[in-house]
Protein backbone atom coordinates (compact mmCIF):
# COMPACT_ATOMS: atom_id res chain seq x y z
CA MET A 1 0.00 0.00 0.00
CA ILE A 2 1.28 3.48 -0.88
CA GLU A 3 0.23 6.33 1.37
CA THR A 4 0.75 10.06 1.75
CA GLU A 5 1.19 11.39 5.26
CA ARG A 6 1.98 14.53 7.20
CA ARG A 7 2.38 15.03 10.92
CA PHE A 8 2.14 18.23 12.98
CA ARG A 9 3.10 19.09 16.54
CA LEU A 10 0.19 20.25 18.71
CA ASN A 11 0.20 22.34 21.86
CA ALA A 12 -2.28 21.72 24.68
CA PRO A 13 -4.99 24.21 23.52
CA GLU A 14 -4.82 22.85 19.96
CA THR A 15 -5.15 19.30 21.23
CA GLU A 16 -8.23 20.17 23.26
CA ALA A 17 -9.78 22.09 20.34
CA LEU A 18 -9.28 19.10 18.07
CA LYS A 19 -10.75 16.65 20.57
CA SER A 20 -13.80 18.83 21.11
CA ALA A 21 -14.48 19.11 17.37
CA ILE A 22 -13.70 15.55 16.26
CA GLU A 23 -14.57 12.32 18.00
CA PHE A 24 -11.46 10.20 18.48
CA SER A 25 -11.28 6.59 19.62
CA SER A 26 -10.07 5.67 23.08
CA PRO A 27 -6.26 5.76 23.20
CA ILE A 28 -4.32 2.53 22.76
CA ARG A 29 -0.64 1.88 23.39
CA LEU A 30 1.42 1.32 20.23
CA THR A 31 5.03 0.19 20.48
CA ASP A 32 7.30 -0.09 17.44
CA ILE A 33 10.76 -1.61 17.32
CA THR A 34 12.54 -0.72 14.10
CA PHE A 35 15.13 -2.95 12.42
CA GLY A 36 17.43 -2.34 9.50
CA PRO A 37 20.94 -2.80 8.07
CA HIS A 38 22.16 0.36 9.83
CA GLY A 39 20.09 0.19 13.02
CA ALA A 40 18.75 3.60 14.02
CA GLN A 41 20.06 5.17 10.80
CA SER A 42 18.50 2.65 8.39
CA MET A 43 15.76 4.91 7.02
CA ASP A 44 18.27 7.67 6.25
CA LYS A 45 20.96 5.40 4.83
CA ASP A 46 18.90 2.66 3.20
CA GLY A 47 15.51 4.25 2.65
CA TRP A 48 13.62 1.45 4.41
CA ILE A 49 13.07 -0.27 7.72
CA VAL A 50 11.26 -3.30 9.07
CA ARG A 51 9.27 -2.63 12.20
CA LEU A 52 7.66 -4.87 14.73
CA ARG A 53 4.46 -3.20 15.91
CA LEU A 54 2.96 -4.30 19.23
CA SER A 55 -0.53 -3.32 20.32
CA GLY A 56 -2.02 -5.16 23.27
CA ASP A 57 -1.91 -8.86 22.43
CA LYS A 58 -1.55 -8.18 18.69
CA ALA A 59 1.65 -7.92 16.68
CA ARG A 60 2.57 -7.12 13.09
CA ILE A 61 5.72 -7.12 11.01
CA GLU A 62 5.76 -4.25 8.52
CA HIS A 63 8.22 -3.22 5.82
CA LYS A 64 8.21 0.55 5.28
CA ARG A 65 9.99 2.21 2.37
CA LYS A 66 10.46 5.94 1.76
CA LEU A 67 9.17 7.35 -1.56
CA PRO A 68 9.40 10.90 -2.95
CA ASP A 69 6.99 13.65 -1.90
CA SER A 70 6.31 12.44 1.64
CA ARG A 71 4.89 9.15 0.40
CA TRP A 72 5.55 5.76 1.90
CA GLN A 73 5.10 2.19 0.78
CA GLU A 74 4.07 -0.27 3.47
CA ILE A 75 3.40 -3.98 3.46
CA GLY A 76 2.88 -6.13 6.51
CA LEU A 77 1.37 -9.20 8.09
CA ALA A 78 0.18 -10.28 11.51
CA VAL A 79 2.48 -12.49 13.58
CA ASP A 80 1.54 -14.83 16.41
CA ALA A 81 4.99 -15.00 18.03
CA PRO A 82 6.70 -11.58 18.18
CA GLY A 83 9.70 -13.06 20.00
CA SER A 84 10.35 -15.43 17.11
CA ALA A 85 10.04 -12.49 14.73
CA VAL A 86 12.73 -10.59 16.66
CA ARG A 87 15.09 -13.55 16.53
CA LEU A 88 14.45 -14.03 12.81
CA LEU A 89 15.09 -10.38 11.98
CA THR A 90 18.36 -10.28 13.91
CA ALA A 91 19.43 -13.61 12.41
CA MET A 92 18.92 -11.98 8.98
CA GLY A 93 21.46 -9.32 9.98
CA LEU A 94 18.96 -6.53 10.69
CA ARG A 95 19.91 -4.44 13.71
CA PRO A 96 17.43 -3.13 16.27
CA GLY A 97 17.25 0.61 15.84
CA LEU A 98 14.64 2.70 17.59
CA LEU A 99 11.89 2.15 20.12
CA ILE A 100 8.84 4.28 19.29
CA ARG A 101 6.19 4.31 22.03
CA ARG A 102 2.99 6.32 21.87
CA LEU A 103 -0.63 6.48 22.96
CA ARG A 104 -2.75 6.74 19.82
CA SER A 105 -6.34 7.83 19.27
CA ALA A 106 -7.80 7.54 15.76
CA SER A 107 -10.48 9.23 13.69
CA THR A 108 -11.27 10.29 10.10
CA PHE A 109 -11.75 13.71 8.53
CA LYS A 110 -12.54 14.60 4.89
CA GLY A 111 -11.24 11.28 3.57
CA ALA A 112 -8.09 11.31 5.66
CA GLU A 113 -7.18 9.03 8.53
CA LEU A 114 -6.18 10.97 11.64
CA ALA A 115 -3.95 9.70 14.41
CA LEU A 116 -3.56 11.74 17.58
CA ASP A 117 -0.31 10.54 19.13
CA ASP A 118 1.13 11.23 22.56
CA LEU A 119 4.75 10.31 21.77
CA ASP A 120 6.71 9.30 24.87
CA GLY A 121 8.99 12.13 25.95
CA LEU A 122 8.42 14.24 22.81
CA GLY A 123 4.91 15.69 22.96
CA THR A 124 1.61 15.43 21.10
CA PHE A 125 1.30 15.12 17.33
CA LEU A 126 -1.43 14.85 14.72
CA GLU A 127 -0.71 12.50 11.85
CA VAL A 128 -2.78 13.04 8.68
CA GLU A 129 -2.68 10.06 6.35
CA PHE A 130 -4.21 9.23 3.01
CA PRO A 131 -4.00 5.46 2.51
CA ARG A 132 -4.14 5.60 -1.27
CA GLU A 133 -1.74 6.62 -4.00
CA THR A 134 -4.15 9.06 -5.61
CA ALA A 135 -4.07 11.53 -2.71
CA GLY A 136 -2.38 14.61 -4.14
CA ASP A 137 -1.33 17.98 -2.78
CA ARG A 138 -4.76 19.49 -3.41
CA THR A 139 -6.51 16.86 -1.30
CA LEU A 140 -3.96 17.28 1.46
CA HIS A 141 -4.21 21.07 1.46
CA GLU A 142 -8.01 20.94 1.59
CA THR A 143 -7.88 18.58 4.56
CA VAL A 144 -5.33 20.67 6.41
CA ALA A 145 -7.38 23.84 5.76
CA GLY A 146 -10.44 22.14 7.22
CA LEU A 147 -8.52 21.15 10.34
CA GLN A 148 -7.12 24.67 10.72
CA ALA A 149 -10.66 26.00 10.73
CA LEU A 150 -11.19 23.96 13.89
CA GLY A 151 -8.54 25.99 15.76
CA VAL A 152 -5.28 24.15 15.12
CA SER A 153 -2.47 25.89 13.25
CA LEU A 154 -0.79 22.98 11.40
CA THR A 155 1.61 25.43 9.79
CA THR A 156 4.87 23.50 10.11
CA PRO A 157 5.01 19.75 9.41
CA ALA A 158 6.96 17.81 12.03
CA PRO A 159 9.73 15.35 11.06
CA PRO A 160 9.06 11.61 11.11
CA TYR A 161 9.05 10.11 14.59
CA GLY A 162 12.28 8.23 13.94
CA ASP A 163 14.10 11.46 13.10
CA GLN A 164 12.78 13.13 16.25
CA ILE A 165 13.83 10.23 18.46
CA ASN A 166 17.30 10.14 16.89
CA ALA A 167 17.67 13.86 17.58
CA ALA A 168 16.51 13.45 21.18
CA ILE A 169 18.96 10.58 21.71
CA GLU A 170 21.79 12.80 20.49
CA GLN A 171 20.81 15.91 22.42
CA ARG A 172 19.34 14.57 25.68
CA GLU A 173 21.43 12.12 27.69
CA GLU A 174 18.55 11.23 30.03
CA PHE A 175 16.28 10.45 27.08
CA ALA A 176 19.00 8.27 25.50
CA HIS A 177 19.49 6.24 28.69
CA GLU A 178 15.76 5.72 29.13
CA HIS A 179 15.37 4.73 25.47
CA ASP A 180 18.15 2.14 25.74
CA ARG A 181 16.81 0.79 29.04
CA ARG A 182 13.33 0.27 27.65
CA MET A 183 14.70 -1.31 24.48
CA ARG A 184 16.76 -3.78 26.50
CA GLU A 185 13.80 -4.67 28.70
CA LEU A 186 11.49 -5.21 25.75
CA LEU A 187 13.97 -7.33 23.81
CA THR A 188 14.56 -9.41 26.93
CA GLU A 189 10.81 -9.85 27.38
CA LEU A 190 10.47 -10.97 23.76
CA GLY A 191 13.35 -13.42 24.05
CA GLY A 192 15.75 -11.44 21.87
CA ASP A 193 19.32 -10.40 22.62
CA PRO A 194 19.29 -7.40 24.99
CA ALA A 195 22.99 -6.88 24.36
CA VAL A 196 22.24 -5.72 20.82
CA ALA A 197 20.01 -2.97 22.13
CA VAL A 198 22.82 -1.16 23.92
CA LEU A 199 24.14 -0.28 20.48
CA THR A 200 21.19 1.96 19.75
CA LYS A 201 22.49 5.29 21.05
CA THR A 202 25.93 4.91 19.52
CA HIS A 203 24.44 4.03 16.16
CA ALA A 204 22.46 7.23 16.24
CA THR A 205 25.20 9.61 17.39
CA ARG A 206 28.57 8.05 16.71
CA SER A 207 31.18 10.43 15.31
CA ALA A 208 34.37 8.49 16.07
CA PRO A 209 35.42 5.71 13.65
CA SER A 210 34.80 3.00 16.25
CA GLY A 211 34.24 2.39 19.93
CA PRO A 212 33.36 -0.34 22.41
CA ARG A 213 29.79 -0.62 21.24
CA GLU A 214 30.58 -0.72 17.52
CA ASN A 215 33.28 -3.30 18.19
CA TYR A 216 30.85 -5.27 20.33
CA GLU A 217 28.55 -5.53 17.32
CA ARG A 218 31.43 -6.94 15.30
CA ALA A 219 32.15 -9.41 18.09
CA LEU A 220 28.50 -10.45 17.92
CA ARG A 221 28.97 -11.24 14.22
CA ASN A 222 32.10 -13.23 15.03
CA ARG A 223 30.10 -15.11 17.63
CA GLY A 224 27.96 -16.42 14.80
CA MET A 225 31.03 -18.19 13.37
CA SER A 226 31.79 -20.00 16.63
CA TYR A 227 32.23 -23.79 16.58
CA CYS A 228 30.59 -24.86 19.83
CA ARG A 229 28.94 -28.21 19.21
CA TYR A 230 29.78 -29.50 22.70
CA SER A 231 28.86 -26.60 24.97
CA SER A 232 26.39 -24.62 22.79
CA TYR A 233 28.11 -21.56 24.29
CA PRO A 234 29.22 -19.40 21.33
CA VAL A 235 31.68 -16.56 21.89
CA GLY A 236 33.06 -13.95 19.50
CA ALA A 237 35.81 -11.40 20.08
CA VAL A 238 37.82 -8.63 18.45
CA ALA A 239 41.23 -7.19 19.25
CA VAL A 240 41.74 -3.58 18.21
CA ALA A 241 45.18 -2.27 17.34
CA ALA A 242 46.44 1.26 17.92
CA ASP A 243 46.45 1.89 14.17
CA GLY A 244 42.75 1.00 13.94
CA ARG A 245 43.11 -2.48 12.53
CA ILE A 246 40.68 -5.03 13.96
CA PHE A 247 41.47 -8.73 14.40
CA ASP A 248 38.62 -11.22 14.68
CA GLY A 249 38.27 -14.34 16.79
CA CYS A 250 35.65 -16.90 17.73
CA SER A 251 35.60 -19.90 20.04
CA VAL A 252 36.57 -23.23 18.46
CA GLU A 253 35.82 -26.34 20.52
CA ASN A 254 37.25 -29.82 20.26
CA GLY A 255 36.15 -33.26 21.38
CA SER A 256 39.32 -33.27 23.49
CA PHE A 257 38.03 -30.41 25.60
CA GLY A 258 41.43 -29.13 26.68
CA LEU A 259 42.21 -28.22 23.08
CA THR A 260 39.34 -25.73 22.87
CA ILE A 261 40.42 -22.23 21.76
CA CYS A 262 38.63 -19.24 23.29
CA ALA A 263 37.57 -16.33 21.10
CA GLU A 264 39.82 -13.85 22.95
CA ARG A 265 42.93 -15.96 22.41
CA ALA A 266 41.98 -16.53 18.77
CA ALA A 267 41.72 -12.76 18.19
CA LEU A 268 45.02 -12.06 19.96
CA THR A 269 46.73 -14.83 17.98
CA ALA A 270 45.48 -13.19 14.78
CA ALA A 271 46.87 -9.88 16.04
CA VAL A 272 50.29 -11.45 16.63
CA LEU A 273 50.22 -12.86 13.11
CA GLY A 274 49.25 -9.42 11.81
CA GLY A 275 52.18 -7.78 13.57
CA SER A 276 50.05 -5.81 16.02
CA ALA A 277 51.16 -7.41 19.27
CA SER A 278 54.69 -6.30 20.01
CA THR A 279 57.07 -7.95 22.43
CA ALA A 280 56.11 -5.36 24.99
CA GLY A 281 52.44 -5.89 24.16
CA ARG A 282 51.70 -2.19 23.71
CA GLU A 283 49.91 -2.15 20.35
CA ILE A 284 46.53 -3.71 21.23
CA THR A 285 44.33 -0.99 22.70
CA ALA A 286 41.00 -2.78 23.09
CA ILE A 287 39.51 -6.27 23.31
CA VAL A 288 35.76 -6.84 23.02
CA VAL A 289 34.01 -10.11 23.88
CA ALA A 290 30.44 -11.21 23.01
CA GLY A 291 28.95 -14.34 24.53
CA PRO A 292 25.48 -15.94 24.45
CA ASP A 293 22.45 -13.66 24.38
CA GLY A 294 21.95 -11.76 27.60
CA ARG A 295 24.42 -13.83 29.63
CA SER A 296 27.42 -12.42 31.48
CA CYS A 297 30.60 -13.39 29.63
CA SER A 298 33.92 -12.16 30.97
CA PRO A 299 37.24 -13.65 29.80
CA CYS A 300 38.24 -16.89 31.50
CA GLY A 301 41.46 -17.20 33.52
CA ALA A 302 43.52 -18.49 30.60
CA CYS A 303 42.35 -15.62 28.40
CA ARG A 304 43.12 -13.11 31.13
CA GLN A 305 46.67 -14.42 31.27
CA PHE A 306 46.90 -14.14 27.47
CA ILE A 307 45.62 -10.56 27.62
CA ALA A 308 47.99 -9.69 30.49
CA GLU A 309 50.98 -10.62 28.34
CA LEU A 310 49.92 -9.55 24.85
CA ALA A 311 47.71 -6.55 25.63
CA PRO A 312 48.44 -5.30 29.16
CA ASP A 313 47.30 -1.74 28.39
CA ALA A 314 44.07 -2.70 26.59
CA ASP A 315 40.55 -1.88 27.66
CA VAL A 316 38.41 -5.02 27.80
CA THR A 317 34.68 -4.79 27.05
CA PHE A 318 32.09 -7.52 27.70
CA TRP A 319 28.49 -8.08 28.78
CA TRP A 320 28.14 -8.32 32.56
CA GLU A 321 25.01 -8.46 34.73
CA GLY A 322 22.71 -6.75 32.25
CA GLU A 323 25.02 -4.12 30.79
CA LEU A 324 28.06 -3.62 28.61
CA VAL A 325 31.09 -2.85 30.81
CA THR A 326 34.67 -1.85 30.06
CA VAL A 327 37.58 -2.48 32.43
CA SER A 328 41.32 -2.24 32.05
CA ALA A 329 43.33 -5.39 31.42
CA ARG A 330 45.24 -4.76 34.65
CA ASP A 331 42.02 -4.54 36.68
CA LEU A 332 40.76 -7.68 34.97
CA MET A 333 43.76 -9.64 36.25
CA PRO A 334 45.45 -7.92 39.20
CA MET A 335 48.75 -9.42 40.34
CA GLY A 336 48.87 -11.59 37.21
CA TYR A 337 51.79 -13.90 36.45
CA VAL A 338 54.70 -12.27 34.63
CA TYR A 339 57.66 -14.34 33.42
CA GLU A 340 60.97 -12.90 34.56
């Protein structure tokens, strides 16, 4: 379906004037989780997203693509198991992006569908939508003029909700933390990987070439290459060199369990082969580890000894008790063994 839509910010008097003139339905809670190749930036970079829409006990998967002239193409279907949908989307390589929560009341006016949205943390908006391709500028202008006659200005269209949330994440630290917290909680509730959700803010605002969260995402991809037929405990890792080069590693198990290679040691071995672990061990600046979904996964004792020798000045990042943490290699293994 191709639709034309506009949305406008409303102040309190305008909201009351609209409600008194038009009968809206009782508000319902709508929650969208967006997914895409570039997470929170997918609509800007790719021109499309997939969203999981939750409303009460109902759920839908919808593909939304941007078209010229404020038009959108949408196609979707109902799903019975939203948790399975989340796992499928992430398995396809689509990253969770934004969490869009709102209370929505609906109505119609002059052939348009109206949605009165109380968007969490961002205010009240009126969305005017024509669910047909034939809706042109004249139809839109006539509808807007009719609404203005009811006492609402509607002079400046508001950006899409995704753009507004991205801007709030960048500009308001408290909003960003609350957004990430709610995303983690919802993904956990749905049976997805809450660790992926901590990437959301960085995806929206990152200016540096890389950081712990971006590298954690790469470690998650490496985790997918893990050979773990005996433990079913996959682990991925990256070692980051001072010159920006990144060395990948994943766990490789063996039927003779003592021969198993941890992801951290695999990444550091690759760094040695690449010439980025000097005798003094000063060239590796960061190590990032990603274990099973939502489970704490710090380096084991053997890996800590490996890190202590080959990357003693590195920062080590891993998932621990519900959050992504970074500690120094020296704090990770105090009073470690040093050959003299």
